[in-house]
N, C-alpha and C. Protein backbone atom coordinates (compact mmCIF):
# COMPACT_ATOMS: atom_id res chain seq x y z
N MET A 1 -17.47 -75.32 -21.48
CA MET A 1 -18.18 -75.43 -22.74
C MET A 1 -17.19 -75.79 -23.84
N ALA A 2 -17.57 -76.71 -24.69
CA ALA A 2 -16.70 -77.17 -25.77
C ALA A 2 -16.63 -76.15 -26.89
N ILE A 3 -15.49 -76.14 -27.55
CA ILE A 3 -15.31 -75.23 -28.69
C ILE A 3 -15.93 -75.87 -29.94
N THR A 4 -16.65 -75.09 -30.71
CA THR A 4 -17.31 -75.62 -31.90
C THR A 4 -16.33 -75.68 -33.07
N ASN A 5 -16.69 -76.44 -34.08
CA ASN A 5 -15.86 -76.53 -35.28
C ASN A 5 -15.73 -75.16 -35.94
N GLN A 6 -16.80 -74.39 -35.92
CA GLN A 6 -16.77 -73.06 -36.53
C GLN A 6 -15.75 -72.18 -35.81
N GLU A 7 -15.70 -72.27 -34.50
CA GLU A 7 -14.73 -71.49 -33.74
C GLU A 7 -13.30 -71.96 -34.02
N ARG A 8 -13.12 -73.28 -34.14
CA ARG A 8 -11.79 -73.83 -34.47
C ARG A 8 -11.32 -73.33 -35.83
N VAL A 9 -12.19 -73.44 -36.81
CA VAL A 9 -11.83 -73.01 -38.16
C VAL A 9 -11.58 -71.50 -38.18
N GLY A 10 -12.40 -70.74 -37.49
CA GLY A 10 -12.20 -69.29 -37.42
C GLY A 10 -10.87 -68.93 -36.82
N LYS A 11 -10.49 -69.62 -35.74
CA LYS A 11 -9.20 -69.37 -35.11
C LYS A 11 -8.05 -69.75 -36.05
N ALA A 12 -8.19 -70.87 -36.75
CA ALA A 12 -7.17 -71.30 -37.70
C ALA A 12 -7.02 -70.29 -38.84
N MET A 13 -8.13 -69.77 -39.33
CA MET A 13 -8.08 -68.79 -40.41
C MET A 13 -7.43 -67.49 -39.94
N ASP A 14 -7.70 -67.08 -38.71
CA ASP A 14 -7.07 -65.89 -38.16
C ASP A 14 -5.55 -66.07 -38.06
N LEU A 15 -5.12 -67.25 -37.60
CA LEU A 15 -3.69 -67.53 -37.50
C LEU A 15 -3.03 -67.57 -38.88
N LEU A 16 -3.73 -68.18 -39.83
CA LEU A 16 -3.20 -68.25 -41.20
C LEU A 16 -3.06 -66.85 -41.80
N ARG A 17 -4.07 -66.01 -41.61
CA ARG A 17 -4.03 -64.64 -42.11
C ARG A 17 -2.85 -63.88 -41.51
N ALA A 18 -2.67 -64.01 -40.22
CA ALA A 18 -1.56 -63.32 -39.55
C ALA A 18 -0.21 -63.82 -40.03
N GLY A 19 -0.11 -65.11 -40.28
CA GLY A 19 1.15 -65.68 -40.74
C GLY A 19 1.48 -65.35 -42.18
N LEU A 20 0.47 -65.28 -43.03
CA LEU A 20 0.71 -65.02 -44.45
C LEU A 20 0.78 -63.54 -44.81
N ALA A 21 0.30 -62.68 -43.94
CA ALA A 21 0.23 -61.25 -44.26
C ALA A 21 1.59 -60.67 -44.67
N PRO A 22 2.67 -60.90 -43.95
CA PRO A 22 3.96 -60.32 -44.36
C PRO A 22 4.41 -60.81 -45.74
N PHE A 23 4.19 -62.10 -46.01
CA PHE A 23 4.57 -62.67 -47.31
C PHE A 23 3.78 -62.02 -48.45
N VAL A 24 2.48 -61.91 -48.26
CA VAL A 24 1.62 -61.33 -49.30
C VAL A 24 1.95 -59.85 -49.51
N GLU A 25 2.20 -59.13 -48.43
CA GLU A 25 2.56 -57.72 -48.55
C GLU A 25 3.85 -57.55 -49.34
N ARG A 26 4.85 -58.40 -49.08
CA ARG A 26 6.12 -58.33 -49.84
C ARG A 26 5.89 -58.60 -51.31
N LYS A 27 5.08 -59.62 -51.62
CA LYS A 27 4.82 -59.96 -53.02
C LYS A 27 4.09 -58.84 -53.74
N PHE A 28 3.09 -58.25 -53.12
CA PHE A 28 2.36 -57.15 -53.73
C PHE A 28 3.27 -55.94 -53.93
N ALA A 29 4.07 -55.62 -52.92
CA ALA A 29 4.98 -54.49 -53.04
C ALA A 29 5.97 -54.73 -54.17
N TYR A 30 6.47 -55.93 -54.28
CA TYR A 30 7.42 -56.30 -55.32
C TYR A 30 6.80 -56.11 -56.71
N CYS A 31 5.57 -56.58 -56.86
CA CYS A 31 4.92 -56.51 -58.17
C CYS A 31 4.42 -55.10 -58.49
N LEU A 32 3.92 -54.39 -57.51
CA LEU A 32 3.35 -53.08 -57.75
C LEU A 32 4.41 -52.00 -57.97
N CYS A 33 5.63 -52.28 -57.59
CA CYS A 33 6.71 -51.29 -57.79
C CYS A 33 7.28 -51.34 -59.19
N GLY A 34 6.74 -52.18 -60.05
CA GLY A 34 7.20 -52.26 -61.42
C GLY A 34 8.35 -53.22 -61.62
N ILE A 35 8.80 -53.85 -60.58
CA ILE A 35 9.91 -54.78 -60.71
C ILE A 35 9.49 -55.98 -61.54
N ALA A 36 8.22 -56.35 -61.48
CA ALA A 36 7.74 -57.52 -62.21
C ALA A 36 7.80 -57.30 -63.72
N ASP A 37 7.88 -56.05 -64.17
CA ASP A 37 7.96 -55.77 -65.60
C ASP A 37 9.34 -56.04 -66.17
N ARG A 38 10.34 -56.11 -65.31
CA ARG A 38 11.70 -56.36 -65.79
C ARG A 38 11.85 -57.79 -66.25
N GLU A 39 12.70 -57.99 -67.22
CA GLU A 39 12.92 -59.32 -67.78
C GLU A 39 13.48 -60.26 -66.71
N GLY A 40 12.90 -61.43 -66.59
CA GLY A 40 13.36 -62.42 -65.65
C GLY A 40 12.80 -62.30 -64.26
N ALA A 41 12.09 -61.22 -63.98
CA ALA A 41 11.50 -61.05 -62.65
C ALA A 41 10.19 -61.81 -62.56
N PRO A 42 9.94 -62.46 -61.45
CA PRO A 42 8.69 -63.22 -61.32
C PRO A 42 7.49 -62.30 -61.26
N GLY A 43 6.50 -62.55 -62.10
CA GLY A 43 5.28 -61.77 -62.09
C GLY A 43 4.07 -62.67 -62.02
N ALA A 44 4.24 -63.86 -61.50
CA ALA A 44 3.18 -64.85 -61.47
C ALA A 44 1.97 -64.41 -60.66
N LEU A 45 2.16 -63.48 -59.77
CA LEU A 45 1.05 -63.05 -58.92
C LEU A 45 -0.08 -62.46 -59.75
N PHE A 46 0.25 -61.76 -60.83
CA PHE A 46 -0.77 -61.10 -61.64
C PHE A 46 -0.97 -61.75 -63.00
N ASP A 47 -0.25 -62.81 -63.33
CA ASP A 47 -0.37 -63.43 -64.64
C ASP A 47 -1.79 -63.91 -64.92
N GLU A 48 -2.43 -64.53 -63.96
CA GLU A 48 -3.77 -65.05 -64.18
C GLU A 48 -4.79 -63.93 -64.33
N ALA A 49 -4.63 -62.83 -63.61
CA ALA A 49 -5.60 -61.73 -63.65
C ALA A 49 -5.55 -60.98 -64.98
N GLU A 50 -4.38 -60.92 -65.58
CA GLU A 50 -4.24 -60.18 -66.84
C GLU A 50 -4.79 -60.97 -68.02
N GLY A 51 -4.82 -62.26 -67.89
CA GLY A 51 -5.21 -63.23 -68.78
C GLY A 51 -5.76 -63.25 -70.02
């Protein structure tokens, strides 16, 4: 049986989620620990939300 486009996209999204999870966790931990409040520290993750 052939794999459907929905199954292909679902598999790709699962792989993307698994690959990006460590990066996103590091960024959130970095910002949530108050480091982003220091001068010169990147805080772009929350800049749009505070807006």
